[in-house]
PDB file of N, CA and C in Angstrom:
ATOM      1  N   MET A   1      93.183 130.042  95.706  1.00  0.00           N
ATOM      2  CA  MET A   1      93.176 129.399  96.847  1.00  0.00           C
ATOM      3  C   MET A   1      92.764 130.471  97.983  1.00  0.00           C
ATOM      4  N   THR A   2      92.034 129.837  98.856  1.00  0.00           N
ATOM      5  CA  THR A   2      91.526 130.652  99.971  1.00  0.00           C
ATOM      6  C   THR A   2      92.049 129.930 101.367  1.00  0.00           C
ATOM      7  N   GLY A   3      91.788 130.724 102.420  1.00  0.00           N
ATOM      8  CA  GLY A   3      92.134 130.258 103.727  1.00  0.00           C
ATOM      9  C   GLY A   3      93.657 130.402 104.045  1.00  0.00           C
ATOM     10  N   GLU A   4      93.963 129.797 105.100  1.00  0.00           N
ATOM     11  CA  GLU A   4      95.462 130.002 105.762  1.00  0.00           C
ATOM     12  C   GLU A   4      96.260 129.263 104.724  1.00  0.00           C
ATOM     13  N   SER A   5      97.605 129.468 104.858  1.00  0.00           N
ATOM     14  CA  SER A   5      98.632 128.782 104.069  1.00  0.00           C
ATOM     15  C   SER A   5      99.766 128.349 104.974  1.00  0.00           C
ATOM     16  N   GLY A   6     100.431 127.419 104.595  1.00  0.00           N
ATOM     17  CA  GLY A   6     101.688 126.905 105.347  1.00  0.00           C
ATOM     18  C   GLY A   6     102.564 126.258 104.388  1.00  0.00           C
ATOM     19  N   GLU A   7     103.641 125.653 105.011  1.00  0.00           N
ATOM     20  CA  GLU A   7     104.535 124.949 104.180  1.00  0.00           C
ATOM     21  C   GLU A   7     104.596 123.507 104.750  1.00  0.00           C
ATOM     22  N   MET A   8     104.627 122.581 103.611  1.00  0.00           N
ATOM     23  CA  MET A   8     104.722 121.061 103.820  1.00  0.00           C
ATOM     24  C   MET A   8     106.074 120.784 103.315  1.00  0.00           C
ATOM     25  N   LEU A   9     106.823 120.075 104.199  1.00  0.00           N
ATOM     26  CA  LEU A   9     108.241 119.451 103.813  1.00  0.00           C
ATOM     27  C   LEU A   9     107.866 118.097 103.427  1.00  0.00           C
ATOM     28  N   VAL A  10     108.305 117.648 102.194  1.00  0.00           N
ATOM     29  CA  VAL A  10     108.121 116.320 101.585  1.00  0.00           C
ATOM     30  C   VAL A  10     109.540 115.774 101.476  1.00  0.00           C
ATOM     31  N   GLU A  11     109.778 114.677 102.177  1.00  0.00           N
ATOM     32  CA  GLU A  11     111.037 113.983 102.146  1.00  0.00           C
ATOM     33  C   GLU A  11     110.917 112.609 101.584  1.00  0.00           C
ATOM     34  N   VAL A  12     111.607 112.358 100.413  1.00  0.00           N
ATOM     35  CA  VAL A  12     111.321 111.231  99.570  1.00  0.00           C
ATOM     36  C   VAL A  12     112.380 110.064 100.155  1.00  0.00           C
ATOM     37  N   GLU A  13     111.864 108.856 100.248  1.00  0.00           N
ATOM     38  CA  GLU A  13     112.934 107.776 100.496  1.00  0.00           C
ATOM     39  C   GLU A  13     112.712 106.887  99.292  1.00  0.00           C
ATOM     40  N   GLY A  14     113.979 106.721  98.590  1.00  0.00           N
ATOM     41  CA  GLY A  14     114.063 105.910  97.413  1.00  0.00           C
ATOM     42  C   GLY A  14     114.301 104.400  97.890  1.00  0.00           C
ATOM     43  N   LEU A  15     114.103 103.592  96.959  1.00  0.00           N
ATOM     44  CA  LEU A  15     114.339 102.227  97.162  1.00  0.00           C
ATOM     45  C   LEU A  15     115.647 101.777  97.435  1.00  0.00           C
ATOM     46  N   PRO A  16     116.083 100.753  97.983  1.00  0.00           N
ATOM     47  CA  PRO A  16     117.435 100.352  98.127  1.00  0.00           C
ATOM     48  C   PRO A  16     118.142 100.277  96.801  1.00  0.00           C
ATOM     49  N   GLY A  17     119.390 100.852  96.749  1.00  0.00           N
ATOM     50  CA  GLY A  17     120.087 100.886  95.430  1.00  0.00           C
ATOM     51  C   GLY A  17     119.913 102.112  94.700  1.00  0.00           C
ATOM     52  N   ALA A  18     118.955 102.993  95.126  1.00  0.00           N
ATOM     53  CA  ALA A  18     118.950 104.214  94.414  1.00  0.00           C
ATOM     54  C   ALA A  18     120.068 105.108  94.583  1.00  0.00           C
ATOM     55  N   ASP A  19     120.566 105.752  93.542  1.00  0.00           N
ATOM     56  CA  ASP A  19     121.787 106.577  93.765  1.00  0.00           C
ATOM     57  C   ASP A  19     121.356 108.027  93.612  1.00  0.00           C
ATOM     58  N   ALA A  20     122.255 108.959  93.778  1.00  0.00           N
ATOM     59  CA  ALA A  20     122.038 110.264  93.790  1.00  0.00           C
ATOM     60  C   ALA A  20     121.345 110.879  92.445  1.00  0.00           C
ATOM     61  N   GLY A  21     121.727 110.280  91.355  1.00  0.00           N
ATOM     62  CA  GLY A  21     121.121 110.698  90.162  1.00  0.00           C
ATOM     63  C   GLY A  21     119.858 110.156  90.045  1.00  0.00           C
ATOM     64  N   ASP A  22     119.427 108.939  90.487  1.00  0.00           N
ATOM     65  CA  ASP A  22     118.112 108.499  90.594  1.00  0.00           C
ATOM     66  C   ASP A  22     117.214 109.403  91.405  1.00  0.00           C
ATOM     67  N   MET A  23     117.719 109.750  92.513  1.00  0.00           N
ATOM     68  CA  MET A  23     116.843 110.555  93.505  1.00  0.00           C
ATOM     69  C   MET A  23     116.638 112.010  92.925  1.00  0.00           C
ATOM     70  N   THR A  24     117.713 112.564  92.086  1.00  0.00           N
ATOM     71  CA  THR A  24     117.644 113.952  91.483  1.00  0.00           C
ATOM     72  C   THR A  24     116.391 113.804  90.441  1.00  0.00           C
ATOM     73  N   ARG A  25     116.440 112.702  89.651  1.00  0.00           N
ATOM     74  CA  ARG A  25     115.372 112.563  88.698  1.00  0.00           C
ATOM     75  C   ARG A  25     114.027 112.312  89.277  1.00  0.00           C
ATOM     76  N   LEU A  26     113.922 111.580  90.240  1.00  0.00           N
ATOM     77  CA  LEU A  26     112.697 111.368  90.935  1.00  0.00           C
ATOM     78  C   LEU A  26     112.093 112.618  91.565  1.00  0.00           C
ATOM     79  N   LEU A  27     112.873 113.329  92.197  1.00  0.00           N
ATOM     80  CA  LEU A  27     112.490 114.535  92.887  1.00  0.00           C
ATOM     81  C   LEU A  27     112.233 115.612  91.868  1.00  0.00           C
ATOM     82  N   GLY A  28     112.894 115.720  90.797  1.00  0.00           N
ATOM     83  CA  GLY A  28     112.505 116.597  89.693  1.00  0.00           C
ATOM     84  C   GLY A  28     110.944 116.293  89.051  1.00  0.00           C
ATOM     85  N   SER A  29     110.904 114.949  89.028  1.00  0.00           N
ATOM     86  CA  SER A  29     109.478 114.504  88.422  1.00  0.00           C
ATOM     87  C   SER A  29     108.371 114.838  89.496  1.00  0.00           C
ATOM     88  N   LEU A  30     108.620 114.566  90.718  1.00  0.00           N
ATOM     89  CA  LEU A  30     107.509 114.938  91.609  1.00  0.00           C
ATOM     90  C   LEU A  30     107.308 116.451  91.720  1.00  0.00           C
ATOM     91  N   ARG A  31     108.466 117.330  91.717  1.00  0.00           N
ATOM     92  CA  ARG A  31     108.450 118.697  91.548  1.00  0.00           C
ATOM     93  C   ARG A  31     107.390 119.240  90.499  1.00  0.00           C
ATOM     94  N   ALA A  32     107.744 118.554  89.430  1.00  0.00           N
ATOM     95  CA  ALA A  32     106.978 119.075  88.134  1.00  0.00           C
ATOM     96  C   ALA A  32     105.477 118.687  88.292  1.00  0.00           C
ATOM     97  N   GLU A  33     105.173 117.575  88.751  1.00  0.00           N
ATOM     98  CA  GLU A  33     103.813 117.127  88.930  1.00  0.00           C
ATOM     99  C   GLU A  33     103.114 117.986  90.031  1.00  0.00           C
ATOM    100  N   LEU A  34     103.773 118.355  91.001  1.00  0.00           N
ATOM    101  CA  LEU A  34     103.150 119.144  92.142  1.00  0.00           C
ATOM    102  C   LEU A  34     102.844 120.564  91.596  1.00  0.00           C
ATOM    103  N   ARG A  35     103.631 121.118  90.642  1.00  0.00           N
ATOM    104  CA  ARG A  35     103.379 122.391  90.090  1.00  0.00           C
ATOM    105  C   ARG A  35     102.044 122.468  89.308  1.00  0.00           C
ATOM    106  N   ASP A  36     101.480 121.201  88.981  1.00  0.00           N
ATOM    107  CA  ASP A  36     100.135 121.167  88.250  1.00  0.00           C
ATOM    108  C   ASP A  36      99.120 121.251  89.214  1.00  0.00           C
ATOM    109  N   LEU A  37      99.295 121.088  90.465  1.00  0.00           N
ATOM    110  CA  LEU A  37      98.303 121.206  91.471  1.00  0.00           C
ATOM    111  C   LEU A  37      97.983 122.642  91.987  1.00  0.00           C
ATOM    112  N   ASP A  38      97.006 122.836  92.763  1.00  0.00           N
ATOM    113  CA  ASP A  38      96.582 124.152  93.277  1.00  0.00           C
ATOM    114  C   ASP A  38      97.392 124.452  94.543  1.00  0.00           C
ATOM    115  N   ILE A  39      98.694 124.699  94.290  1.00  0.00           N
ATOM    116  CA  ILE A  39      99.654 124.954  95.280  1.00  0.00           C
ATOM    117  C   ILE A  39     100.185 126.288  95.114  1.00  0.00           C
ATOM    118  N   GLN A  40     100.773 126.926  96.294  1.00  0.00           N
ATOM    119  CA  GLN A  40     101.439 128.210  96.105  1.00  0.00           C
ATOM    120  C   GLN A  40     102.845 128.121  95.452  1.00  0.00           C
ATOM    121  N   SER A  41     103.614 127.148  95.972  1.00  0.00           N
ATOM    122  CA  SER A  41     105.044 127.081  95.575  1.00  0.00           C
ATOM    123  C   SER A  41     105.460 125.841  95.693  1.00  0.00           C
ATOM    124  N   VAL A  42     106.554 125.391  95.211  1.00  0.00           N
ATOM    125  CA  VAL A  42     107.410 124.221  95.378  1.00  0.00           C
ATOM    126  C   VAL A  42     108.811 124.443  95.115  1.00  0.00           C
ATOM    127  N   ARG A  43     109.629 124.202  96.108  1.00  0.00           N
ATOM    128  CA  ARG A  43     111.075 124.441  96.117  1.00  0.00           C
ATOM    129  C   ARG A  43     111.866 123.421  96.697  1.00  0.00           C
ATOM    130  N   GLN A  44     113.158 123.324  96.269  1.00  0.00           N
ATOM    131  CA  GLN A  44     114.072 122.293  96.885  1.00  0.00           C
ATOM    132  C   GLN A  44     114.825 123.164  97.912  1.00  0.00           C
ATOM    133  N   PRO A  45     114.844 122.828  99.087  1.00  0.00           N
ATOM    134  CA  PRO A  45     115.550 123.480 100.192  1.00  0.00           C
ATOM    135  C   PRO A  45     117.016 123.073 100.079  1.00  0.00           C
ATOM    136  N   GLU A  46     117.889 124.020 100.549  1.00  0.00           N
ATOM    137  CA  GLU A  46     119.231 123.759 100.628  1.00  0.00           C
ATOM    138  C   GLU A  46     119.532 122.794 101.835  1.00  0.00           C
ATOM    139  N   ALA A  47     120.461 121.822 101.487  1.00  0.00           N
ATOM    140  CA  ALA A  47     121.039 120.780 102.439  1.00  0.00           C
ATOM    141  C   ALA A  47     122.180 121.677 103.123  1.00  0.00           C
ATOM    142  N   PRO A  48     122.216 121.439 104.624  1.00  0.00           N
ATOM    143  CA  PRO A  48     123.446 122.074 105.208  1.00  0.00           C
ATOM    144  C   PRO A  48     124.758 121.808 104.618  1.00  0.00           C
ATOM    145  N   ALA A  49     125.579 122.844 104.442  1.00  0.00           N
ATOM    146  CA  ALA A  49     126.907 122.795 103.989  1.00  0.00           C
ATOM    147  C   ALA A  49     127.848 122.230 104.901  1.00  0.00           C
ATOM    148  N   PRO A  50     128.722 121.347 104.491  1.00  0.00           N
ATOM    149  CA  PRO A  50     129.772 120.691 105.332  1.00  0.00           C
ATOM    150  C   PRO A  50     130.424 121.938 106.039  1.00  0.00           C
ATOM    151  N   ALA A  51     131.033 121.523 107.233  1.00  0.00           N
ATOM    152  CA  ALA A  51     131.791 122.629 107.974  1.00  0.00           C
ATOM    153  C   ALA A  51     132.904 123.123 107.210  1.00  0.00           C
ATOM    154  N   ASP A  52     133.554 122.384 106.480  1.00  0.00           N
ATOM    155  CA  ASP A  52     134.782 122.919 105.719  1.00  0.00           C
ATOM    156  C   ASP A  52     134.438 123.554 104.314  1.00  0.00           C
ATOM    157  N   ALA A  53     133.227 123.680 103.906  1.00  0.00           N
ATOM    158  CA  ALA A  53     132.653 124.243 102.674  1.00  0.00           C
ATOM    159  C   ALA A  53     132.987 125.660 102.520  1.00  0.00           C
ATOM    160  N   LYS A  54     133.508 126.127 101.383  1.00  0.00           N
ATOM    161  CA  LYS A  54     133.639 127.484 101.098  1.00  0.00           C
ATOM    162  C   LYS A  54     132.459 128.153 100.616  1.00  0.00           C
ATOM    163  N   SER A  55     131.330 127.452 100.250  1.00  0.00           N
ATOM    164  CA  SER A  55     130.168 128.126  99.679  1.00  0.00           C
ATOM    165  C   SER A  55     129.103 127.575 100.347  1.00  0.00           C
ATOM    166  N   GLY A  56     127.856 128.053 100.133  1.00  0.00           N
ATOM    167  CA  GLY A  56     126.638 127.717 100.749  1.00  0.00           C
ATOM    168  C   GLY A  56     126.169 126.247 100.272  1.00  0.00           C
ATOM    169  N   GLY A  57     125.181 125.758 101.008  1.00  0.00           N
ATOM    170  CA  GLY A  57     124.704 124.370 100.801  1.00  0.00           C
ATOM    171  C   GLY A  57     124.167 124.169  99.388  1.00  0.00           C
ATOM    172  N   LEU A  58     124.116 122.829  98.934  1.00  0.00           N
ATOM    173  CA  LEU A  58     123.520 122.485  97.782  1.00  0.00           C
ATOM    174  C   LEU A  58     121.982 122.039  98.043  1.00  0.00           C
ATOM    175  N   PRO A  59     121.258 122.193  96.884  1.00  0.00           N
ATOM    176  CA  PRO A  59     119.823 121.754  97.031  1.00  0.00           C
ATOM    177  C   PRO A  59     119.878 120.357  97.743  1.00  0.00           C
ATOM    178  N   SER A  60     118.909 120.109  98.544  1.00  0.00           N
ATOM    179  CA  SER A  60     118.687 118.822  99.355  1.00  0.00           C
ATOM    180  C   SER A  60     118.345 117.785  98.290  1.00  0.00           C
ATOM    181  N   PRO A  61     119.064 116.561  98.250  1.00  0.00           N
ATOM    182  CA  PRO A  61     118.700 115.593  97.312  1.00  0.00           C
ATOM    183  C   PRO A  61     117.327 114.777  97.386  1.00  0.00           C
ATOM    184  N   ASP A  62     116.739 115.024  98.503  1.00  0.00           N
ATOM    185  CA  ASP A  62     115.499 114.177  98.796  1.00  0.00           C
ATOM    186  C   ASP A  62     114.392 115.041  99.372  1.00  0.00           C
ATOM    187  N   GLN A  63     114.387 116.359  99.376  1.00  0.00           N
ATOM    188  CA  GLN A  63     113.402 117.009  99.876  1.00  0.00           C
ATOM    189  C   GLN A  63     112.766 118.190  99.135  1.00  0.00           C
ATOM    190  N   LEU A  64     111.559 118.471  99.251  1.00  0.00           N
ATOM    191  CA  LEU A  64     110.911 119.586  98.596  1.00  0.00           C
ATOM    192  C   LEU A  64     110.062 120.388  99.812  1.00  0.00           C
ATOM    193  N   VAL A  65     109.917 121.593  99.544  1.00  0.00           N
ATOM    194  CA  VAL A  65     109.056 122.444 100.493  1.00  0.00           C
ATOM    195  C   VAL A  65     107.937 122.916  99.648  1.00  0.00           C
ATOM    196  N   VAL A  66     106.765 122.527  99.967  1.00  0.00           N
ATOM    197  CA  VAL A  66     105.532 122.938  99.236  1.00  0.00           C
ATOM    198  C   VAL A  66     104.645 123.939  99.910  1.00  0.00           C
ATOM    199  N   GLY A  67     104.498 125.048  99.367  1.00  0.00           N
ATOM    200  CA  GLY A  67     103.633 126.021  99.988  1.00  0.00           C
ATOM    201  C   GLY A  67     102.227 125.799  99.624  1.00  0.00           C
ATOM    202  N   VAL A  68     101.341 125.533 100.534  1.00  0.00           N
ATOM    203  CA  VAL A  68     100.022 125.010 100.270  1.00  0.00           C
ATOM    204  C   VAL A  68      99.068 125.691 101.245  1.00  0.00           C
ATOM    205  N   ALA A  69      97.759 125.808 100.675  1.00  0.00           N
ATOM    206  CA  ALA A  69      96.576 126.260 101.659  1.00  0.00           C
ATOM    207  C   ALA A  69      96.286 125.221 102.422  1.00  0.00           C
ATOM    208  N   THR A  70      96.123 125.496 103.654  1.00  0.00           N
ATOM    209  CA  THR A  70      95.958 124.382 104.703  1.00  0.00           C
ATOM    210  C   THR A  70      94.482 124.056 104.838  1.00  0.00           C
ATOM    211  N   SER A  71      93.674 124.039 103.813  1.00  0.00           N
ATOM    212  CA  SER A  71      92.329 123.525 103.791  1.00  0.00           C
ATOM    213  C   SER A  71      92.388 121.914 103.836  1.00  0.00           C
ATOM    214  N   PRO A  72      91.403 121.306 104.349  1.00  0.00           N
ATOM    215  CA  PRO A  72      91.420 119.926 104.201  1.00  0.00           C
ATOM    216  C   PRO A  72      91.248 119.411 102.771  1.00  0.00           C
ATOM    217  N   ASP A  73      90.633 120.043 101.998  1.00  0.00           N
ATOM    218  CA  ASP A  73      90.440 119.629 100.583  1.00  0.00           C
ATOM    219  C   ASP A  73      91.820 119.707 100.001  1.00  0.00           C
ATOM    220  N   VAL A  74      92.524 120.747 100.016  1.00  0.00           N
ATOM    221  CA  VAL A  74      93.796 120.938  99.450  1.00  0.00           C
ATOM    222  C   VAL A  74      94.926 120.016  99.918  1.00  0.00           C
ATOM    223  N   LEU A  75      94.959 119.849 101.266  1.00  0.00           N
ATOM    224  CA  LEU A  75      95.851 118.895 101.756  1.00  0.00           C
ATOM    225  C   LEU A  75      95.676 117.477 101.369  1.00  0.00           C
ATOM    226  N   ALA A  76      94.370 117.162 101.321  1.00  0.00           N
ATOM    227  CA  ALA A  76      94.036 115.678 100.942  1.00  0.00           C
ATOM    228  C   ALA A  76      94.327 115.534  99.425  1.00  0.00           C
ATOM    229  N   SER A  77      94.198 116.617  98.629  1.00  0.00           N
ATOM    230  CA  SER A  77      94.474 116.452  97.163  1.00  0.00           C
ATOM    231  C   SER A  77      96.024 116.222  96.993  1.00  0.00           C
ATOM    232  N   VAL A  78      96.777 117.108  97.735  1.00  0.00           N
ATOM    233  CA  VAL A  78      98.294 117.109  97.509  1.00  0.00           C
ATOM    234  C   VAL A  78      98.721 115.713  98.012  1.00  0.00           C
ATOM    235  N   ILE A  79      98.218 115.080  99.194  1.00  0.00           N
ATOM    236  CA  ILE A  79      98.617 113.769  99.601  1.00  0.00           C
ATOM    237  C   ILE A  79      98.184 112.786  98.689  1.00  0.00           C
ATOM    238  N   GLY A  80      96.981 112.895  98.069  1.00  0.00           N
ATOM    239  CA  GLY A  80      96.625 111.794  97.152  1.00  0.00           C
ATOM    240  C   GLY A  80      97.414 111.829  95.869  1.00  0.00           C
ATOM    241  N   TRP A  81      97.809 113.052  95.502  1.00  0.00           N
ATOM    242  CA  TRP A  81      98.732 113.082  94.365  1.00  0.00           C
ATOM    243  C   TRP A  81     100.105 112.521  94.543  1.00  0.00           C
ATOM    244  N   ILE A  82     100.579 112.806  95.835  1.00  0.00           N
ATOM    245  CA  ILE A  82     101.975 112.212  96.146  1.00  0.00           C
ATOM    246  C   ILE A  82     101.844 110.716  96.300  1.00  0.00           C
ATOM    247  N   ARG A  83     100.831 110.222  96.893  1.00  0.00           N
ATOM    248  CA  ARG A  83     100.461 108.638  96.886  1.00  0.00           C
ATOM    249  C   ARG A  83     100.588 108.026  95.597  1.00  0.00           C
ATOM    250  N   ALA A  84      99.831 108.743  94.652  1.00  0.00           N
ATOM    251  CA  ALA A  84      99.688 108.206  93.368  1.00  0.00           C
ATOM    252  C   ALA A  84     101.146 108.036  92.570  1.00  0.00           C
ATOM    253  N   TRP A  85     101.824 109.338  92.832  1.00  0.00           N
ATOM    254  CA  TRP A  85     103.260 109.369  92.201  1.00  0.00           C
ATOM    255  C   TRP A  85     104.123 108.279  92.982  1.00  0.00           C
ATOM    256  N   LEU A  86     104.052 107.971  94.138  1.00  0.00           N
ATOM    257  CA  LEU A  86     104.785 107.041  94.799  1.00  0.00           C
ATOM    258  C   LEU A  86     104.582 105.580  94.197  1.00  0.00           C
ATOM    259  N   GLY A  87     103.269 105.350  93.663  1.00  0.00           N
ATOM    260  CA  GLY A  87     103.025 104.195  93.215  1.00  0.00           C
ATOM    261  C   GLY A  87     103.374 103.910  91.766  1.00  0.00           C
ATOM    262  N   ARG A  88     103.786 105.037  91.107  1.00  0.00           N
ATOM    263  CA  ARG A  88     104.343 105.041  89.658  1.00  0.00           C
ATOM    264  C   ARG A  88     105.831 105.078  89.676  1.00  0.00           C
ATOM    265  N   ASN A  89     106.481 105.320  90.741  1.00  0.00           N
ATOM    266  CA  ASN A  89     107.923 105.520  90.709  1.00  0.00           C
ATOM    267  C   ASN A  89     108.633 104.497  91.677  1.00  0.00           C
ATOM    268  N   ARG A  90     109.981 104.566  91.481  1.00  0.00           N
ATOM    269  CA  ARG A  90     110.777 103.753  92.239  1.00  0.00           C
ATOM    270  C   ARG A  90     111.247 104.448  93.577  1.00  0.00           C
ATOM    271  N   VAL A  91     110.007 104.516  94.345  1.00  0.00           N
ATOM    272  CA  VAL A  91     110.174 105.216  95.680  1.00  0.00           C
ATOM    273  C   VAL A  91     109.577 104.418  96.840  1.00  0.00           C
ATOM    274  N   ARG A  92     110.125 104.337  97.912  1.00  0.00           N
ATOM    275  CA  ARG A  92     109.590 103.618  99.044  1.00  0.00           C
ATOM    276  C   ARG A  92     108.541 104.324  99.727  1.00  0.00           C
ATOM    277  N   SER A  93     108.728 105.554 100.097  1.00  0.00           N
ATOM    278  CA  SER A  93     107.808 106.281 100.807  1.00  0.00           C
ATOM    279  C   SER A  93     108.142 107.752 100.730  1.00  0.00           C
ATOM    280  N   ALA A  94     107.144 108.594 101.392  1.00  0.00           N
ATOM    281  CA  ALA A  94     107.427 110.120 101.451  1.00  0.00           C
ATOM    282  C   ALA A  94     106.889 110.496 102.895  1.00  0.00           C
ATOM    283  N   LYS A  95     107.768 111.179 103.472  1.00  0.00           N
ATOM    284  CA  LYS A  95     107.450 111.858 104.837  1.00  0.00           C
ATOM    285  C   LYS A  95     107.010 113.159 104.632  1.00  0.00           C
ATOM    286  N   LEU A  96     105.778 113.481 104.996  1.00  0.00           N
ATOM    287  CA  LEU A  96     105.075 114.855 104.741  1.00  0.00           C
ATOM    288  C   LEU A  96     105.054 115.435 106.226  1.00  0.00           C
ATOM    289  N   SER A  97     105.642 116.652 106.366  1.00  0.00           N
ATOM    290  CA  SER A  97     105.631 117.327 107.622  1.00  0.00           C
ATOM    291  C   SER A  97     105.160 118.725 107.662  1.00  0.00           C
ATOM    292  N   ILE A  98     104.327 119.149 108.628  1.00  0.00           N
ATOM    293  CA  ILE A  98     103.840 120.534 108.746  1.00  0.00           C
ATOM    294  C   ILE A  98     103.942 120.701 110.249  1.00  0.00           C
ATOM    295  N   ASP A  99     104.757 121.789 110.582  1.00  0.00           N
ATOM    296  CA  ASP A  99     105.009 122.292 111.790  1.00  0.00           C
ATOM    297  C   ASP A  99     105.431 121.137 112.752  1.00  0.00           C
ATOM    298  N   GLY A 100     106.299 120.245 112.304  1.00  0.00           N
ATOM    299  CA  GLY A 100     107.031 119.248 113.142  1.00  0.00           C
ATOM    300  C   GLY A 100     106.117 117.960 113.161  1.00  0.00           C
ATOM    301  N   ASP A 101     104.927 117.999 112.675  1.00  0.00           N
ATOM    302  CA  ASP A 101     103.964 116.771 112.722  1.00  0.00           C
ATOM    303  C   ASP A 101     104.244 115.982 111.472  1.00  0.00           C
ATOM    304  N   THR A 102     104.686 114.731 111.449  1.00  0.00           N
ATOM    305  CA  THR A 102     105.102 113.981 110.250  1.00  0.00           C
ATOM    306  C   THR A 102     104.086 112.935 110.090  1.00  0.00           C
ATOM    307  N   LEU A 103     103.869 112.713 108.649  1.00  0.00           N
ATOM    308  CA  LEU A 103     103.054 111.702 108.296  1.00  0.00           C
ATOM    309  C   LEU A 103     103.821 110.854 107.184  1.00  0.00           C
ATOM    310  N   GLU A 104     103.930 109.534 107.299  1.00  0.00           N
ATOM    311  CA  GLU A 104     104.690 108.803 106.285  1.00  0.00           C
ATOM    312  C   GLU A 104     103.731 108.077 105.494  1.00  0.00           C
ATOM    313  N   VAL A 105     103.778 108.186 104.024  1.00  0.00           N
ATOM    314  CA  VAL A 105     102.778 107.667 103.145  1.00  0.00           C
ATOM    315  C   VAL A 105     103.601 106.826 102.213  1.00  0.00           C
ATOM    316  N   THR A 106     102.929 105.759 101.611  1.00  0.00           N
ATOM    317  CA  THR A 106     103.490 104.967 100.655  1.00  0.00           C
ATOM    318  C   THR A 106     102.520 104.969  99.446  1.00  0.00           C
ATOM    319  N   GLY A 107     102.794 104.311  98.323  1.00  0.00           N
ATOM    320  CA  GLY A 107     102.028 104.151  97.176  1.00  0.00           C
ATOM    321  C   GLY A 107     100.987 103.034  97.335  1.00  0.00           C
ATOM    322  N   VAL A 108     101.150 102.192  98.463  1.00  0.00           N
ATOM    323  CA  VAL A 108     100.382 101.073  98.654  1.00  0.00           C
ATOM    324  C   VAL A 108      99.028 101.662  99.413  1.00  0.00           C
ATOM    325  N   SER A 109      97.934 101.256  99.005  1.00  0.00           N
ATOM    326  CA  SER A 109      96.618 101.568  99.569  1.00  0.00           C
ATOM    327  C   SER A 109      96.285 100.666 100.741  1.00  0.00           C
ATOM    328  N   SER A 110      95.814 101.273 101.825  1.00  0.00           N
ATOM    329  CA  SER A 110      95.414 100.420 102.908  1.00  0.00           C
ATOM    330  C   SER A 110      94.303 101.381 103.767  1.00  0.00           C
ATOM    331  N   ALA A 111      93.499 100.566 104.461  1.00  0.00           N
ATOM    332  CA  ALA A 111      92.615 101.318 105.284  1.00  0.00           C
ATOM    333  C   ALA A 111      93.248 102.075 106.499  1.00  0.00           C
ATOM    334  N   GLU A 112      94.174 101.484 107.155  1.00  0.00           N
ATOM    335  CA  GLU A 112      94.859 101.970 108.172  1.00  0.00           C
ATOM    336  C   GLU A 112      95.661 103.315 107.772  1.00  0.00           C
ATOM    337  N   GLN A 113      96.420 103.189 106.613  1.00  0.00           N
ATOM    338  CA  GLN A 113      97.120 104.401 106.027  1.00  0.00           C
ATOM    339  C   GLN A 113      96.107 105.543 105.924  1.00  0.00           C
ATOM    340  N   GLN A 114      94.978 105.363 105.387  1.00  0.00           N
ATOM    341  CA  GLN A 114      93.957 106.253 104.990  1.00  0.00           C
ATOM    342  C   GLN A 114      93.375 106.892 106.301  1.00  0.00           C
ATOM    343  N   ARG A 115      93.240 106.072 107.341  1.00  0.00           N
ATOM    344  CA  ARG A 115      92.705 106.486 108.579  1.00  0.00           C
ATOM    345  C   ARG A 115      93.846 107.482 109.170  1.00  0.00           C
ATOM    346  N   LEU A 116      95.124 107.133 109.095  1.00  0.00           N
ATOM    347  CA  LEU A 116      96.188 108.167 109.403  1.00  0.00           C
ATOM    348  C   LEU A 116      96.320 109.339 108.637  1.00  0.00           C
ATOM    349  N   ILE A 117      96.061 109.243 107.367  1.00  0.00           N
ATOM    350  CA  ILE A 117      96.188 110.505 106.640  1.00  0.00           C
ATOM    351  C   ILE A 117      94.977 111.348 106.920  1.00  0.00           C
ATOM    352  N   ASP A 118      93.776 110.852 107.181  1.00  0.00           N
ATOM    353  CA  ASP A 118      92.556 111.710 107.474  1.00  0.00           C
ATOM    354  C   ASP A 118      92.795 112.361 108.790  1.00  0.00           C
ATOM    355  N   LEU A 119      93.492 111.682 109.780  1.00  0.00           N
ATOM    356  CA  LEU A 119      93.603 112.186 111.147  1.00  0.00           C
ATOM    357  C   LEU A 119      94.698 113.394 110.935  1.00  0.00           C
ATOM    358  N   TRP A 120      95.809 113.243 110.182  1.00  0.00           N
ATOM    359  CA  TRP A 120      96.706 114.190 109.944  1.00  0.00           C
ATOM    360  C   TRP A 120      96.147 115.426 109.254  1.00  0.00           C
ATOM    361  N   VAL A 121      95.403 115.198 108.166  1.00  0.00           N
ATOM    362  CA  VAL A 121      94.665 116.305 107.552  1.00  0.00           C
ATOM    363  C   VAL A 121      93.804 117.059 108.565  1.00  0.00           C
ATOM    364  N   SER A 122      93.085 116.444 109.341  1.00  0.00           N
ATOM    365  CA  SER A 122      92.232 117.180 110.194  1.00  0.00           C
ATOM    366  C   SER A 122      92.972 117.945 111.317  1.00  0.00           C
ATOM    367  N   ARG A 123      94.249 117.516 111.620  1.00  0.00           N
ATOM    368  CA  ARG A 123      95.016 118.316 112.459  1.00  0.00           C
ATOM    369  C   ARG A 123      95.653 119.663 111.827  1.00  0.00           C
ATOM    370  N   HIS A 124      95.777 119.580 110.525  1.00  0.00           N
ATOM    371  CA  HIS A 124      96.310 120.598 109.820  1.00  0.00           C
ATOM    372  C   HIS A 124      95.414 121.478 108.877  1.00  0.00           C
ATOM    373  N   GLY A 125      94.331 120.938 108.536  1.00  0.00           N
ATOM    374  CA  GLY A 125      93.391 121.584 107.887  1.00  0.00           C
ATOM    375  C   GLY A 125      92.556 122.721 108.445  1.00  0.00           C
ATOM    376  N   THR A 126      92.532 123.807 108.082  1.00  0.00           N
ATOM    377  CA  THR A 126      91.920 125.051 108.746  1.00  0.00           C
ATOM    378  C   THR A 126      90.772 125.644 108.116  1.00  0.00           C
ATOM    379  N   GLY A 127      89.847 124.722 107.760  1.00  0.00           N
ATOM    380  CA  GLY A 127      88.666 125.166 107.162  1.00  0.00           C
ATOM    381  C   GLY A 127      88.476 124.788 105.532  1.00  0.00           C
ATOM    382  N   GLY A 128      87.631 125.146 104.958  1.00  0.00           N
ATOM    383  CA  GLY A 128      87.444 124.872 103.577  1.00  0.00           C
ATOM    384  C   GLY A 128      87.383 126.058 102.655  1.00  0.00           C
TER     385      GLY A 128
END
């Protein structure tokens, strides 16, 4: 990988009725598939611990942090992979965030969604 790199937060929203076990399996599946891409890293961030907890936080049940080159080609590839994964799984959508700029994608293809993805990639892609 060349060029600049950054972190993309991926927050998965399950379908109504999905329980914690469903979300754990889904997130594990996405994490495994992302590892096959040209990315730097993928990890599950810690969720904030409750105020009365005696230990640190637990892994977030619905988020991944993906270390990725911020080239337009790599970002578009990762987004395309996530969209395909959404279409194959019981997941409503995924929110992708870089530097506080968030894009919500679904497994459903539409011209408007593609236009929004292209715009988002152009804001965060730093060359090829």
